[in-house]
C-alpha atoms as a PDB file:
ATOM      1  CA  MET A   1      10.748  -8.128 -19.059  1.00  0.00           C
ATOM      2  CA  MET A   2      12.657  -6.586 -15.737  1.00  0.00           C
ATOM      3  CA  ARG A   3      11.353  -5.585 -12.569  1.00  0.00           C
ATOM      4  CA  PRO A   4      12.496  -3.336  -9.850  1.00  0.00           C
ATOM      5  CA  THR A   5      14.314  -4.934  -6.935  1.00  0.00           C
ATOM      6  CA  LEU A   6      13.158  -3.801  -3.648  1.00  0.00           C
ATOM      7  CA  ALA A   7      15.059  -5.547  -0.613  1.00  0.00           C
ATOM      8  CA  ARG A   8      12.997  -7.136   2.121  1.00  0.00           C
ATOM      9  CA  HIS A   9      15.009  -5.447   4.759  1.00  0.00           C
ATOM     10  CA  ARG A  10      14.185  -2.155   3.175  1.00  0.00           C
ATOM     11  CA  VAL A  11      10.441  -2.954   3.433  1.00  0.00           C
ATOM     12  CA  CYS A  12      10.359  -4.331   6.780  1.00  0.00           C
ATOM     13  CA  ARG A  13      12.234  -1.074   7.966  1.00  0.00           C
ATOM     14  CA  LEU A  14      10.026   1.174   6.388  1.00  0.00           C
ATOM     15  CA  ALA A  15       6.960  -0.833   8.006  1.00  0.00           C
ATOM     16  CA  GLY A  16       8.424  -0.551  11.284  1.00  0.00           C
ATOM     17  CA  ARG A  17       8.439   3.357  11.257  1.00  0.00           C
ATOM     18  CA  ARG A  18       4.721   3.237  11.820  1.00  0.00           C
ATOM     19  CA  ALA A  19       3.829   3.738  15.232  1.00  0.00           C
ATOM     20  CA  ALA A  20       0.981   1.227  15.193  1.00  0.00           C
ATOM     21  CA  VAL A  21       3.430  -1.719  13.494  1.00  0.00           C
ATOM     22  CA  LYS A  22       4.733  -3.938  16.097  1.00  0.00           C
ATOM     23  CA  GLN A  23       6.646  -6.227  14.045  1.00  0.00           C
ATOM     24  CA  ALA A  24       6.762  -6.912  10.187  1.00  0.00           C
ATOM     25  CA  ALA A  25       8.620  -9.624   7.963  1.00  0.00           C
ATOM     26  CA  VAL A  26       8.745  -9.703   4.247  1.00  0.00           C
ATOM     27  CA  ILE A  27       8.935 -13.294   2.816  1.00  0.00           C
ATOM     28  CA  GLY A  28       9.342 -14.892  -0.653  1.00  0.00           C
ATOM     29  CA  ILE A  29       6.287 -16.602  -2.103  1.00  0.00           C
ATOM     30  CA  PRO A  30       6.010 -18.241  -5.222  1.00  0.00           C
ATOM     31  CA  ASP A  31       4.729 -16.082  -8.360  1.00  0.00           C
ATOM     32  CA  PRO A  32       3.820 -17.521 -11.747  1.00  0.00           C
ATOM     33  CA  LEU A  33       5.280 -14.466 -13.518  1.00  0.00           C
ATOM     34  CA  TRP A  34       8.571 -13.737 -11.669  1.00  0.00           C
ATOM     35  CA  GLY A  35       9.432 -17.160  -9.786  1.00  0.00           C
ATOM     36  CA  GLU A  36       9.025 -15.558  -6.328  1.00  0.00           C
ATOM     37  CA  ALA A  37       7.236 -12.098  -5.119  1.00  0.00           C
ATOM     38  CA  MET A  38       7.482 -10.397  -1.927  1.00  0.00           C
ATOM     39  CA  HIS A  39       4.745 -10.805   0.561  1.00  0.00           C
ATOM     40  CA  ALA A  40       4.724  -8.601   3.660  1.00  0.00           C
ATOM     41  CA  VAL A  41       3.382 -10.048   7.083  1.00  0.00           C
ATOM     42  CA  VAL A  42       2.636  -7.387   9.624  1.00  0.00           C
ATOM     43  CA  LEU A  43       1.783  -7.435  13.356  1.00  0.00           C
ATOM     44  CA  LEU A  44       0.158  -4.336  14.689  1.00  0.00           C
ATOM     45  CA  GLU A  45      -0.005  -3.008  18.338  1.00  0.00           C
ATOM     46  CA  ALA A  46      -3.071  -4.237  20.259  1.00  0.00           C
ATOM     47  CA  GLY A  47      -5.995  -1.911  19.495  1.00  0.00           C
ATOM     48  CA  SER A  48      -4.701  -0.361  16.511  1.00  0.00           C
ATOM     49  CA  ARG A  49      -7.254   0.317  13.433  1.00  0.00           C
ATOM     50  CA  ARG A  50      -6.267  -0.943  10.252  1.00  0.00           C
ATOM     51  CA  PRO A  51      -7.602  -0.280   6.721  1.00  0.00           C
ATOM     52  CA  ARG A  52     -10.141  -2.919   5.157  1.00  0.00           C
ATOM     53  CA  ARG A  53      -8.133  -2.429   1.955  1.00  0.00           C
ATOM     54  CA  VAL A  54      -4.601  -1.641   0.941  1.00  0.00           C
ATOM     55  CA  GLU A  55      -3.738  -0.696  -2.853  1.00  0.00           C
ATOM     56  CA  PHE A  56      -0.291   0.024  -4.081  1.00  0.00           C
ATOM     57  CA  GLN A  57      -0.129   2.365  -7.100  1.00  0.00           C
ATOM     58  CA  ASP A  58       2.948   3.650  -9.115  1.00  0.00           C
ATOM     59  CA  ALA A  59       1.849   7.348  -8.654  1.00  0.00           C
ATOM     60  CA  LEU A  60      -0.469   9.422  -6.919  1.00  0.00           C
ATOM     61  CA  PRO A  61      -2.777  12.211  -8.517  1.00  0.00           C
ATOM     62  CA  LEU A  62      -1.318  15.329  -7.266  1.00  0.00           C
ATOM     63  CA  SER A  63      -2.303  19.165  -7.493  1.00  0.00           C
ATOM     64  CA  GLN A  64      -0.269  21.958  -8.706  1.00  0.00           C
ATOM     65  CA  ALA A  65       0.632  22.537  -5.108  1.00  0.00           C
ATOM     66  CA  SER A  66       1.849  18.809  -5.142  1.00  0.00           C
ATOM     67  CA  LYS A  67      -1.102  17.655  -2.401  1.00  0.00           C
ATOM     68  CA  ILE A  68      -2.782  14.471  -3.115  1.00  0.00           C
ATOM     69  CA  LEU A  69      -5.976  14.681  -5.057  1.00  0.00           C
ATOM     70  CA  GLN A  70      -8.038  12.450  -2.689  1.00  0.00           C
ATOM     71  CA  SER A  71     -11.217  13.212  -4.948  1.00  0.00           C
ATOM     72  CA  GLU A  72      -9.462  11.564  -8.053  1.00  0.00           C
ATOM     73  CA  LEU A  73      -8.773   8.476  -5.644  1.00  0.00           C
ATOM     74  CA  ARG A  74     -12.235   8.213  -4.572  1.00  0.00           C
ATOM     75  CA  ARG A  75     -13.764   8.629  -8.287  1.00  0.00           C
ATOM     76  CA  PRO A  76     -13.516   4.911  -9.348  1.00  0.00           C
ATOM     77  CA  PHE A  77     -15.214   3.794  -6.012  1.00  0.00           C
ATOM     78  CA  ARG A  78     -18.126   6.439  -6.499  1.00  0.00           C
ATOM     79  CA  GLU A  79     -18.754   6.379 -10.219  1.00  0.00           C
ATOM     80  CA  ASP A  80     -22.284   4.268  -9.379  1.00  0.00           C
ATOM     81  CA  ARG A  81     -23.519   6.247  -6.647  1.00  0.00           C
ATOM     82  CA  ALA A  82     -25.694   9.247  -7.358  1.00  0.00           C
ATOM     83  CA  ARG A  83     -24.052  11.483  -5.025  1.00  0.00           C
ATOM     84  CA  ALA A  84     -20.451  11.633  -4.058  1.00  0.00           C
ATOM     85  CA  VAL A  85     -18.860  13.256  -1.368  1.00  0.00           C
ATOM     86  CA  ASP A  86     -15.298  14.732  -1.823  1.00  0.00           C
END
């Protein structure tokens, strides 16, 4: 099994482009499958808001106009609710 390689410096550079990111570092941590996996540590600017959860996907659902279909992203979290707000 092969996995794509993503350079640590590239991840840090991408994270650092965000205005709320003050500093970022990527380190290798032990991984039972790959031997080592990347782990990002991010320091946000004081007062910056942050999401409670972050999810990584291989692809996002898109409309024919190439806009992200947020309703499709919400669907798994709203399936148990009687009323969904999109």
